[in-house]
N, C-alpha and C. Protein backbone atom coordinates (compact mmCIF):
# COMPACT_ATOMS: atom_id res chain seq x y z
N MET A 1 -29.48 98.48 -128.24
CA MET A 1 -30.91 99.28 -127.61
C MET A 1 -31.52 98.61 -128.56
N ASN A 2 -32.87 98.04 -127.46
CA ASN A 2 -34.38 97.66 -128.61
C ASN A 2 -35.24 99.02 -128.66
N GLN A 3 -35.22 99.48 -129.59
CA GLN A 3 -36.66 100.82 -129.38
C GLN A 3 -37.08 100.05 -130.59
N LYS A 4 -38.57 100.64 -129.60
CA LYS A 4 -39.69 100.68 -131.08
C LYS A 4 -39.80 101.57 -132.07
N LYS A 5 -40.45 101.39 -132.93
CA LYS A 5 -40.73 102.50 -134.30
C LYS A 5 -41.88 102.99 -133.08
N SER A 6 -41.87 104.06 -133.90
CA SER A 6 -43.17 104.92 -133.83
C SER A 6 -44.67 104.60 -134.97
N VAL A 7 -45.62 104.48 -134.21
CA VAL A 7 -46.42 103.91 -135.74
C VAL A 7 -46.31 105.24 -136.84
N VAL A 8 -45.67 106.17 -137.05
CA VAL A 8 -45.41 107.21 -138.22
C VAL A 8 -44.17 106.19 -138.81
N SER A 9 -43.26 106.29 -138.21
CA SER A 9 -41.84 105.53 -138.72
C SER A 9 -42.00 104.16 -138.75
N ALA A 10 -42.93 103.06 -138.69
CA ALA A 10 -42.66 101.70 -138.46
C ALA A 10 -42.76 101.45 -140.08
N LYS A 11 -43.61 102.18 -140.86
CA LYS A 11 -43.77 102.41 -142.59
C LYS A 11 -44.47 103.49 -143.08
N PRO A 12 -43.52 103.59 -144.23
CA PRO A 12 -44.08 104.68 -144.69
C PRO A 12 -45.44 104.89 -144.74
N THR A 13 -45.32 106.02 -143.89
CA THR A 13 -46.91 107.09 -143.80
C THR A 13 -47.34 108.46 -144.36
N MET A 14 -48.12 108.46 -144.60
CA MET A 14 -48.50 110.10 -144.77
C MET A 14 -49.74 110.37 -143.94
N VAL A 15 -49.14 111.81 -143.44
CA VAL A 15 -50.34 112.60 -142.41
C VAL A 15 -51.32 113.11 -143.60
N VAL A 16 -52.62 113.82 -143.68
CA VAL A 16 -53.27 114.27 -144.40
C VAL A 16 -54.24 115.07 -143.01
N GLY A 17 -54.66 116.12 -143.02
CA GLY A 17 -55.35 116.94 -142.87
C GLY A 17 -56.23 117.98 -143.72
N LEU A 18 -57.53 117.78 -143.78
CA LEU A 18 -58.26 118.55 -144.52
C LEU A 18 -59.67 119.45 -143.71
N ASP A 19 -59.80 120.86 -143.75
CA ASP A 19 -60.69 121.07 -143.37
C ASP A 19 -61.42 122.51 -144.05
N VAL A 20 -62.37 123.30 -143.94
CA VAL A 20 -63.14 124.29 -145.11
C VAL A 20 -63.35 125.25 -143.79
N ASN A 21 -62.70 126.53 -144.73
CA ASN A 21 -62.94 127.25 -144.06
C ASN A 21 -64.04 128.18 -144.64
N HIS A 22 -64.83 128.78 -143.82
CA HIS A 22 -66.35 129.51 -144.32
C HIS A 22 -66.05 131.01 -143.65
N ALA A 23 -66.58 132.11 -144.47
CA ALA A 23 -66.78 133.45 -143.94
C ALA A 23 -67.55 133.34 -143.32
N GLY A 24 -67.86 134.73 -142.36
CA GLY A 24 -68.30 134.66 -140.87
C GLY A 24 -69.91 134.80 -141.23
N ARG A 25 -71.09 135.00 -140.36
CA ARG A 25 -72.30 134.71 -140.77
C ARG A 25 -72.96 135.90 -141.39
N GLY A 26 -74.01 135.03 -142.03
CA GLY A 26 -74.71 136.18 -143.29
C GLY A 26 -73.95 136.74 -144.36
N SER A 27 -72.58 136.14 -144.62
CA SER A 27 -71.63 136.25 -145.87
C SER A 27 -71.76 135.32 -146.80
N THR A 28 -72.35 135.98 -147.89
CA THR A 28 -71.85 134.58 -149.16
C THR A 28 -71.22 134.83 -149.46
N ALA A 29 -70.01 134.64 -149.40
CA ALA A 29 -68.57 134.92 -150.08
C ALA A 29 -67.99 132.99 -149.85
N ASP A 30 -67.42 132.72 -150.66
CA ASP A 30 -67.10 131.72 -151.03
C ASP A 30 -66.74 130.85 -149.79
N SER A 31 -66.48 129.80 -149.36
CA SER A 31 -65.76 128.45 -148.81
C SER A 31 -64.89 128.00 -149.00
N HIS A 32 -63.39 127.96 -148.69
CA HIS A 32 -62.11 127.87 -149.22
C HIS A 32 -61.93 126.46 -148.44
N PRO A 33 -61.83 125.34 -148.92
CA PRO A 33 -61.57 124.57 -147.91
C PRO A 33 -59.83 123.99 -148.51
N ALA A 34 -59.15 123.27 -147.46
CA ALA A 34 -57.55 123.05 -147.71
C ALA A 34 -57.53 121.63 -147.42
N ILE A 35 -56.31 121.73 -147.80
CA ILE A 35 -55.67 119.82 -147.71
C ILE A 35 -54.00 120.17 -147.13
N CYS A 36 -53.59 119.55 -146.58
CA CYS A 36 -52.34 119.40 -146.21
C CYS A 36 -51.97 118.51 -146.05
N TYR A 37 -50.53 118.19 -146.29
CA TYR A 37 -50.14 116.56 -146.59
C TYR A 37 -48.99 116.33 -146.36
N SER A 38 -47.62 115.27 -145.58
CA SER A 38 -46.79 115.36 -145.78
C SER A 38 -45.93 114.45 -146.56
N LEU A 39 -44.62 115.32 -146.61
CA LEU A 39 -44.03 114.79 -148.45
C LEU A 39 -42.96 113.68 -147.98
N ASP A 40 -42.92 113.77 -146.41
CA ASP A 40 -41.64 112.89 -145.88
C ASP A 40 -42.22 111.76 -144.90
N CYS A 41 -41.29 110.52 -145.00
CA CYS A 41 -41.86 109.57 -143.76
C CYS A 41 -41.52 110.16 -142.41
N LEU A 42 -40.79 111.05 -142.49
CA LEU A 42 -40.73 111.56 -140.91
C LEU A 42 -41.69 113.26 -140.43
N CYS A 43 -42.91 113.34 -141.28
CA CYS A 43 -43.67 113.98 -141.43
C CYS A 43 -43.04 115.52 -140.82
N SER A 44 -41.64 115.63 -141.77
CA SER A 44 -41.28 117.05 -141.51
C SER A 44 -41.32 117.99 -142.65
N LYS A 45 -41.40 117.25 -144.09
CA LYS A 45 -41.81 118.54 -144.85
C LYS A 45 -43.77 118.61 -145.17
N TRP A 46 -44.14 119.59 -145.26
CA TRP A 46 -45.41 119.45 -145.82
C TRP A 46 -45.61 120.12 -147.01
N ALA A 47 -46.87 120.04 -147.75
CA ALA A 47 -47.70 120.64 -148.68
C ALA A 47 -48.66 121.03 -148.37
N THR A 48 -49.34 121.96 -149.28
CA THR A 48 -50.79 122.85 -148.70
C THR A 48 -51.62 123.60 -150.52
N GLU A 49 -52.62 122.52 -150.17
CA GLU A 49 -53.43 123.35 -151.83
C GLU A 49 -54.88 123.62 -151.27
N VAL A 50 -55.06 124.88 -151.53
CA VAL A 50 -56.74 125.31 -151.04
C VAL A 50 -57.26 125.85 -152.35
N THR A 51 -58.45 125.93 -152.62
CA THR A 51 -59.38 125.65 -153.59
C THR A 51 -60.82 126.82 -153.30
N SER A 52 -61.88 127.20 -153.74
CA SER A 52 -62.72 127.88 -153.39
C SER A 52 -64.39 126.73 -153.61
N GLN A 53 -65.28 126.87 -153.41
CA GLN A 53 -66.21 126.63 -153.54
C GLN A 53 -67.67 127.51 -152.82
N LYS A 54 -68.62 126.78 -153.18
CA LYS A 54 -69.71 127.20 -152.81
C LYS A 54 -70.16 127.71 -151.61
N ALA A 55 -70.47 128.74 -151.08
CA ALA A 55 -70.22 129.47 -149.64
C ALA A 55 -70.59 128.05 -148.74
N LYS A 56 -70.76 127.98 -147.73
CA LYS A 56 -71.34 127.06 -146.60
C LYS A 56 -71.13 125.68 -146.82
N GLU A 57 -70.66 125.16 -147.85
CA GLU A 57 -70.44 123.49 -148.34
C GLU A 57 -69.38 123.32 -147.23
N GLU A 58 -69.64 121.87 -146.58
CA GLU A 58 -68.93 121.83 -146.09
C GLU A 58 -68.62 120.74 -146.26
N LEU A 59 -69.00 119.84 -147.27
CA LEU A 59 -68.38 118.68 -148.01
C LEU A 59 -67.60 119.10 -149.21
N VAL A 60 -66.44 118.62 -149.28
CA VAL A 60 -65.92 118.89 -150.63
C VAL A 60 -66.25 117.65 -151.91
N PRO A 61 -66.30 118.63 -153.04
CA PRO A 61 -66.17 118.11 -153.92
C PRO A 61 -65.20 116.64 -154.21
N ALA A 62 -65.88 115.42 -154.30
CA ALA A 62 -65.16 114.30 -154.32
C ALA A 62 -64.18 113.93 -155.30
N GLU A 63 -64.60 114.95 -156.81
CA GLU A 63 -63.12 114.93 -157.65
C GLU A 63 -62.37 115.98 -157.47
N TRP A 64 -62.26 117.04 -156.61
CA TRP A 64 -61.13 117.27 -155.93
C TRP A 64 -59.96 116.72 -154.86
N LEU A 65 -61.18 116.11 -153.90
CA LEU A 65 -59.96 115.53 -153.02
C LEU A 65 -59.18 114.17 -154.31
N LYS A 66 -60.18 113.60 -154.70
CA LYS A 66 -59.38 112.53 -155.44
C LYS A 66 -58.12 112.49 -156.07
N ALA A 67 -58.30 114.56 -156.72
CA ALA A 67 -57.39 114.58 -157.69
C ALA A 67 -56.00 114.97 -156.57
N ARG A 68 -56.24 115.94 -155.32
CA ARG A 68 -55.55 116.17 -154.48
C ARG A 68 -54.91 114.92 -153.93
N MET A 69 -55.20 113.75 -153.65
CA MET A 69 -55.18 112.94 -153.01
C MET A 69 -53.73 112.13 -153.77
N VAL A 70 -54.41 112.25 -155.38
CA VAL A 70 -53.43 111.47 -156.24
C VAL A 70 -51.83 111.97 -156.59
N HIS A 71 -52.02 113.11 -156.50
CA HIS A 71 -50.65 113.98 -156.32
C HIS A 71 -49.97 114.38 -155.00
N ALA A 72 -51.18 113.83 -154.13
CA ALA A 72 -50.19 114.02 -152.82
C ALA A 72 -49.21 112.41 -152.89
N ALA A 73 -50.34 111.45 -153.18
CA ALA A 73 -49.33 109.83 -153.01
C ALA A 73 -47.92 109.81 -153.98
N GLN A 74 -48.75 111.37 -155.19
CA GLN A 74 -47.19 110.62 -155.91
C GLN A 74 -45.78 111.57 -155.44
N GLU A 75 -46.64 113.08 -155.00
CA GLU A 75 -45.29 113.06 -154.66
C GLU A 75 -44.73 112.58 -153.31
N PHE A 76 -45.30 111.66 -152.60
CA PHE A 76 -44.62 111.07 -151.23
C PHE A 76 -44.03 109.87 -152.32
N GLN A 77 -44.22 109.20 -152.92
CA GLN A 77 -43.68 108.44 -153.54
C GLN A 77 -42.07 108.61 -154.21
N LYS A 78 -42.61 110.03 -154.82
CA LYS A 78 -41.05 110.17 -155.77
C LYS A 78 -39.93 110.03 -154.49
N ARG A 79 -40.98 111.42 -153.54
CA ARG A 79 -39.86 111.88 -152.81
C ARG A 79 -38.95 110.28 -151.55
N ASN A 80 -39.91 109.94 -151.06
CA ASN A 80 -39.22 108.27 -150.52
C ASN A 80 -38.94 107.26 -151.35
N HIS A 81 -39.25 106.83 -152.14
CA HIS A 81 -38.92 105.87 -153.36
C HIS A 81 -39.70 104.60 -153.02
N CYS A 82 -40.85 104.59 -152.65
CA CYS A 82 -41.77 103.84 -152.06
C CYS A 82 -43.47 104.34 -152.08
N PRO A 83 -44.06 103.83 -151.96
CA PRO A 83 -45.48 103.97 -152.05
C PRO A 83 -45.90 104.38 -150.56
N VAL A 84 -47.25 104.93 -150.50
CA VAL A 84 -47.33 104.93 -149.20
C VAL A 84 -48.23 103.90 -148.74
N GLN A 85 -47.69 103.37 -147.32
CA GLN A 85 -48.70 102.24 -146.94
C GLN A 85 -49.24 102.62 -145.67
N ARG A 86 -49.28 103.40 -144.86
CA ARG A 86 -50.17 103.75 -144.07
C ARG A 86 -50.70 105.35 -144.29
N LEU A 87 -52.19 105.79 -144.03
CA LEU A 87 -52.77 106.75 -144.15
C LEU A 87 -53.03 107.46 -143.37
N PHE A 88 -52.65 108.29 -142.68
CA PHE A 88 -53.73 108.71 -141.54
C PHE A 88 -54.63 109.91 -141.92
N PHE A 89 -55.52 109.82 -142.20
CA PHE A 89 -56.79 111.30 -142.33
C PHE A 89 -57.16 111.88 -141.83
N TYR A 90 -57.24 113.53 -141.58
CA TYR A 90 -57.66 113.65 -140.15
C TYR A 90 -58.79 115.29 -140.91
N ARG A 91 -59.59 114.60 -140.56
CA ARG A 91 -60.64 115.95 -141.03
C ARG A 91 -61.87 116.67 -139.47
N ASP A 92 -61.41 117.91 -139.96
CA ASP A 92 -62.13 118.89 -138.90
C ASP A 92 -63.06 119.43 -139.80
N GLY A 93 -64.13 119.99 -138.26
CA GLY A 93 -65.27 120.83 -138.82
C GLY A 93 -66.50 120.13 -139.05
N LEU A 94 -66.42 118.90 -138.89
CA LEU A 94 -67.98 118.19 -139.37
C LEU A 94 -68.79 118.13 -138.23
N ALA A 95 -69.90 118.44 -138.12
CA ALA A 95 -71.14 118.86 -137.53
C ALA A 95 -71.80 117.34 -137.79
N HIS A 96 -72.08 117.27 -136.45
CA HIS A 96 -72.57 115.43 -136.41
C HIS A 96 -73.63 114.95 -137.81
N ASN A 97 -74.35 116.28 -138.02
CA ASN A 97 -74.97 115.45 -139.24
C ASN A 97 -74.85 114.84 -140.38
N MET A 98 -73.15 115.68 -140.14
CA MET A 98 -72.31 115.57 -141.65
C MET A 98 -71.26 114.23 -141.88
N PHE A 99 -71.21 113.39 -140.28
CA PHE A 99 -70.67 112.25 -140.42
C PHE A 99 -70.46 111.00 -141.33
N SER A 100 -71.78 111.05 -141.49
CA SER A 100 -72.06 109.39 -142.00
C SER A 100 -71.47 110.00 -143.85
N ALA A 101 -72.23 111.29 -144.42
CA ALA A 101 -72.16 111.77 -145.40
C ALA A 101 -70.29 112.06 -145.88
N ALA A 102 -70.18 112.76 -144.88
CA ALA A 102 -68.30 112.76 -145.30
C ALA A 102 -67.43 111.97 -145.26
N VAL A 103 -67.82 110.48 -144.40
CA VAL A 103 -66.64 109.28 -144.56
C VAL A 103 -67.03 108.71 -145.59
N VAL A 104 -68.14 108.32 -146.00
CA VAL A 104 -68.82 107.65 -147.44
C VAL A 104 -67.95 108.46 -148.61
N GLN A 105 -68.13 109.40 -148.62
CA GLN A 105 -67.83 110.51 -149.61
C GLN A 105 -66.15 110.79 -149.98
N GLU A 106 -65.99 110.73 -148.78
CA GLU A 106 -64.30 111.30 -148.42
C GLU A 106 -63.48 110.09 -148.30
N VAL A 107 -63.99 108.87 -147.91
CA VAL A 107 -63.02 107.36 -148.26
C VAL A 107 -63.04 106.99 -149.45
N ALA A 108 -64.87 106.95 -150.18
CA ALA A 108 -64.29 106.97 -151.49
C ALA A 108 -63.58 107.22 -152.04
N ALA A 109 -63.21 108.77 -152.21
CA ALA A 109 -62.65 109.96 -152.78
C ALA A 109 -61.23 109.04 -152.74
N ILE A 110 -60.43 109.06 -151.58
CA ILE A 110 -59.32 109.22 -150.87
C ILE A 110 -58.87 107.27 -151.89
N LYS A 111 -60.12 106.45 -151.24
CA LYS A 111 -59.66 104.53 -152.07
C LYS A 111 -59.58 104.89 -153.63
N SER A 112 -60.48 105.96 -154.39
CA SER A 112 -60.34 105.54 -155.79
C SER A 112 -59.08 106.35 -156.44
N ALA A 113 -58.88 107.28 -155.73
CA ALA A 113 -57.41 108.01 -155.75
C ALA A 113 -56.19 107.25 -155.83
N MET A 114 -56.05 105.95 -154.66
CA MET A 114 -54.93 104.81 -154.65
C MET A 114 -55.23 103.85 -155.54
N GLU A 115 -56.63 103.49 -156.07
CA GLU A 115 -57.12 102.93 -157.25
C GLU A 115 -56.18 103.04 -158.44
N GLN A 116 -56.57 105.01 -158.46
CA GLN A 116 -56.33 105.66 -159.93
C GLN A 116 -54.56 104.74 -160.13
N LEU A 117 -54.00 105.33 -158.67
CA LEU A 117 -52.13 105.36 -159.16
C LEU A 117 -52.00 104.15 -159.26
N GLY A 118 -52.78 103.13 -158.74
CA GLY A 118 -52.25 101.57 -159.45
C GLY A 118 -52.58 100.70 -161.22
N ASP A 119 -53.37 102.25 -161.64
CA ASP A 119 -53.66 101.74 -162.68
C ASP A 119 -52.49 101.83 -163.85
N ARG A 120 -51.35 102.46 -163.03
CA ARG A 120 -50.32 103.57 -163.67
C ARG A 120 -49.15 102.34 -163.90
N PRO A 121 -48.53 102.15 -164.79
CA PRO A 121 -47.20 100.74 -164.85
C PRO A 121 -46.03 101.00 -163.71
N ARG A 122 -45.89 100.58 -163.08
CA ARG A 122 -44.72 100.19 -161.85
C ARG A 122 -43.79 100.05 -161.84
N ARG A 123 -42.21 100.68 -161.67
CA ARG A 123 -41.18 100.31 -161.58
C ARG A 123 -41.26 98.96 -161.06
N ALA A 124 -40.16 97.90 -161.54
CA ALA A 124 -39.90 96.70 -161.31
C ALA A 124 -38.88 96.60 -160.17
N SER A 125 -38.84 98.01 -159.65
CA SER A 125 -38.63 97.23 -158.32
C SER A 125 -39.12 97.26 -157.00
N ILE A 126 -40.82 97.89 -156.86
CA ILE A 126 -41.54 98.03 -156.38
C ILE A 126 -42.57 96.59 -156.47
N GLN A 127 -42.06 95.76 -155.85
CA GLN A 127 -42.89 93.95 -155.94
C GLN A 127 -44.27 93.96 -155.08
N ALA A 128 -44.78 93.59 -155.90
CA ALA A 128 -46.41 93.49 -155.14
C ALA A 128 -46.34 92.65 -153.71
N ARG A 129 -44.94 92.06 -153.40
CA ARG A 129 -44.93 91.79 -151.85
C ARG A 129 -44.56 92.90 -150.94
N ALA A 130 -44.39 93.99 -151.37
CA ALA A 130 -44.07 94.86 -150.66
C ALA A 130 -45.53 95.89 -150.23
N LEU A 131 -46.49 95.21 -150.23
CA LEU A 131 -47.86 95.59 -150.50
C LEU A 131 -48.45 95.40 -148.91
N PRO A 132 -49.23 96.04 -148.24
CA PRO A 132 -50.14 95.34 -147.07
C PRO A 132 -50.69 94.14 -147.39
N ALA A 133 -50.64 93.12 -146.36
CA ALA A 133 -51.38 91.85 -146.82
C ALA A 133 -52.90 91.69 -147.09
N HIS A 134 -53.65 92.93 -146.69
CA HIS A 134 -54.89 92.97 -147.39
C HIS A 134 -55.24 93.46 -148.58
N CYS A 135 -54.14 93.78 -149.64
CA CYS A 135 -54.11 94.14 -150.52
C CYS A 135 -54.79 93.13 -151.63
N PRO A 136 -55.69 93.25 -152.37
CA PRO A 136 -55.46 92.49 -153.67
C PRO A 136 -54.41 91.76 -154.52
N ARG A 137 -53.55 91.00 -154.69
CA ARG A 137 -52.43 91.01 -155.53
C ARG A 137 -52.77 90.61 -156.74
N SER A 138 -53.98 90.59 -156.95
CA SER A 138 -54.43 90.63 -158.81
C SER A 138 -54.11 92.00 -159.55
N ARG A 139 -54.09 92.56 -158.85
CA ARG A 139 -54.39 94.84 -159.01
C ARG A 139 -52.83 95.12 -158.51
N ILE A 140 -52.25 95.54 -159.25
CA ILE A 140 -50.86 96.14 -159.02
C ILE A 140 -51.65 97.78 -158.95
N GLY A 141 -50.84 97.83 -157.63
CA GLY A 141 -51.51 99.44 -157.19
C GLY A 141 -51.14 99.67 -155.66
N ILE A 142 -51.67 100.82 -154.92
CA ILE A 142 -51.03 101.47 -153.90
C ILE A 142 -52.31 101.03 -153.42
N CYS A 143 -52.30 99.82 -151.49
CA CYS A 143 -53.48 100.03 -151.02
C CYS A 143 -53.00 100.30 -149.80
N PRO A 144 -52.93 101.57 -148.89
CA PRO A 144 -52.21 102.20 -147.93
C PRO A 144 -53.44 101.33 -147.23
N GLU A 145 -52.99 101.46 -145.75
CA GLU A 145 -53.77 101.28 -144.20
C GLU A 145 -54.40 102.76 -144.26
N LEU A 146 -55.65 102.86 -144.09
CA LEU A 146 -56.38 104.06 -144.03
C LEU A 146 -57.07 104.69 -142.94
N VAL A 147 -56.62 105.47 -141.92
CA VAL A 147 -56.86 105.53 -140.59
C VAL A 147 -57.78 106.92 -140.80
N TYR A 148 -59.36 107.05 -140.77
CA TYR A 148 -59.94 108.42 -140.96
C TYR A 148 -60.30 108.77 -139.74
N ILE A 149 -60.26 109.83 -139.13
CA ILE A 149 -60.09 110.64 -137.85
C ILE A 149 -61.11 111.58 -138.31
N VAL A 150 -61.97 111.60 -137.33
CA VAL A 150 -62.64 113.52 -137.37
C VAL A 150 -62.50 113.97 -136.27
N VAL A 151 -62.08 115.03 -136.25
CA VAL A 151 -61.51 115.86 -135.28
C VAL A 151 -62.46 116.71 -135.03
N GLN A 152 -62.55 117.22 -133.79
CA GLN A 152 -63.88 118.05 -132.92
C GLN A 152 -63.45 118.59 -131.87
N LYS A 153 -63.72 119.82 -132.02
CA LYS A 153 -62.84 120.95 -130.57
C LYS A 153 -64.33 121.61 -130.00
N ARG A 154 -65.32 121.51 -130.80
CA ARG A 154 -66.66 122.61 -129.89
C ARG A 154 -67.51 121.41 -129.79
N THR A 155 -67.17 120.78 -128.87
CA THR A 155 -68.46 119.94 -128.44
C THR A 155 -69.17 120.21 -127.26
N ARG A 156 -70.46 119.58 -126.69
CA ARG A 156 -70.88 119.80 -125.26
C ARG A 156 -70.61 119.38 -124.17
N ALA A 157 -69.65 118.19 -124.93
CA ALA A 157 -69.78 117.68 -123.67
C ALA A 157 -68.64 117.86 -122.45
N ARG A 158 -68.82 117.53 -121.35
CA ARG A 158 -68.04 118.15 -120.45
C ARG A 158 -67.66 117.07 -119.33
N PHE A 159 -66.36 117.16 -118.89
CA PHE A 159 -66.22 115.81 -118.17
C PHE A 159 -65.39 116.82 -116.67
N CYS A 160 -65.89 116.02 -115.82
CA CYS A 160 -65.36 116.42 -114.54
C CYS A 160 -64.77 115.29 -113.26
N MET A 161 -64.10 115.39 -112.20
CA MET A 161 -63.79 114.72 -111.63
C MET A 161 -63.91 114.99 -110.26
N ARG A 162 -63.84 113.57 -109.34
CA ARG A 162 -63.77 114.10 -107.49
C ARG A 162 -62.90 114.82 -107.41
N THR A 163 -63.03 115.99 -106.33
CA THR A 163 -62.13 116.13 -105.85
C THR A 163 -61.43 115.09 -105.25
N PRO A 164 -60.08 115.39 -104.77
CA PRO A 164 -59.16 114.52 -103.47
C PRO A 164 -59.98 113.91 -102.38
N ASP A 165 -60.75 115.44 -101.71
CA ASP A 165 -61.37 115.04 -100.59
C ASP A 165 -63.16 113.95 -100.87
N GLY A 166 -63.31 114.29 -101.76
CA GLY A 166 -64.36 113.14 -102.39
C GLY A 166 -65.92 114.22 -102.21
N ARG A 167 -65.56 115.21 -102.11
CA ARG A 167 -66.91 116.24 -101.25
C ARG A 167 -67.57 117.09 -103.09
N GLY A 168 -66.79 116.78 -104.30
CA GLY A 168 -66.86 117.95 -104.79
C GLY A 168 -67.12 117.32 -106.56
N TYR A 169 -66.51 118.05 -107.58
CA TYR A 169 -66.05 118.01 -108.63
C TYR A 169 -65.57 119.19 -109.01
N GLU A 170 -64.01 118.58 -109.68
CA GLU A 170 -63.60 119.76 -110.79
C GLU A 170 -63.14 119.37 -111.75
N LYS A 171 -62.44 120.39 -112.68
CA LYS A 171 -62.12 119.98 -114.05
C LYS A 171 -60.92 119.02 -114.22
N PRO A 172 -61.24 118.41 -114.90
CA PRO A 172 -60.03 116.99 -115.05
C PRO A 172 -58.22 118.25 -115.37
N PRO A 173 -57.39 117.82 -115.22
CA PRO A 173 -56.12 118.45 -115.21
C PRO A 173 -56.29 118.48 -116.70
N TYR A 174 -55.22 119.67 -117.35
CA TYR A 174 -55.00 119.90 -119.02
C TYR A 174 -54.20 118.35 -119.74
N GLY A 175 -54.91 118.22 -120.90
CA GLY A 175 -54.06 117.37 -121.61
C GLY A 175 -54.91 115.72 -121.41
N LEU A 176 -56.30 115.95 -120.82
CA LEU A 176 -56.85 114.76 -120.58
C LEU A 176 -57.39 114.08 -122.19
N VAL A 177 -56.65 113.08 -122.44
CA VAL A 177 -57.34 112.24 -123.53
C VAL A 177 -58.44 111.54 -123.38
N VAL A 178 -59.57 111.85 -124.16
CA VAL A 178 -60.47 110.99 -124.14
C VAL A 178 -60.83 110.32 -125.44
N ASP A 179 -60.96 108.93 -125.00
CA ASP A 179 -60.78 108.14 -126.57
C ASP A 179 -61.52 106.82 -126.51
């Protein structure tokens, strides 16, 4: 039987999620960024780390994110006996005016973390040919494919479709995906 592999199982893939929780309106309490990441290739084991930061700050400190990503990639490699080759990074809670700043800062922190891992001596069993083709061969490090996804759930976009009789509009069925 010829079965296609899923995107996650085709190569060692880690899934990461990042969000920042804020106190209610008018509160000066700290905000709490949290990151969760898969520890195995099946995405069935997860770890979570939470910290606190200045109130109402949506961007997380680059140093904190870099340290968390280094730790996550090390744990993944230790449990799976291979480096991360694909990384899905889901970022929640960004306002439209924060997209550019978050993407620039967070993608840079993720890339920096992967480069830092490359500065460490590698086991002889992990050869450079195991890295994706776009990785520079001169550097020994991990260079996973990075897919950075901003998740939004409170948008003002509204979708509708024509009724079967063509006279009006109705809500689309549950499960509609807009890409």
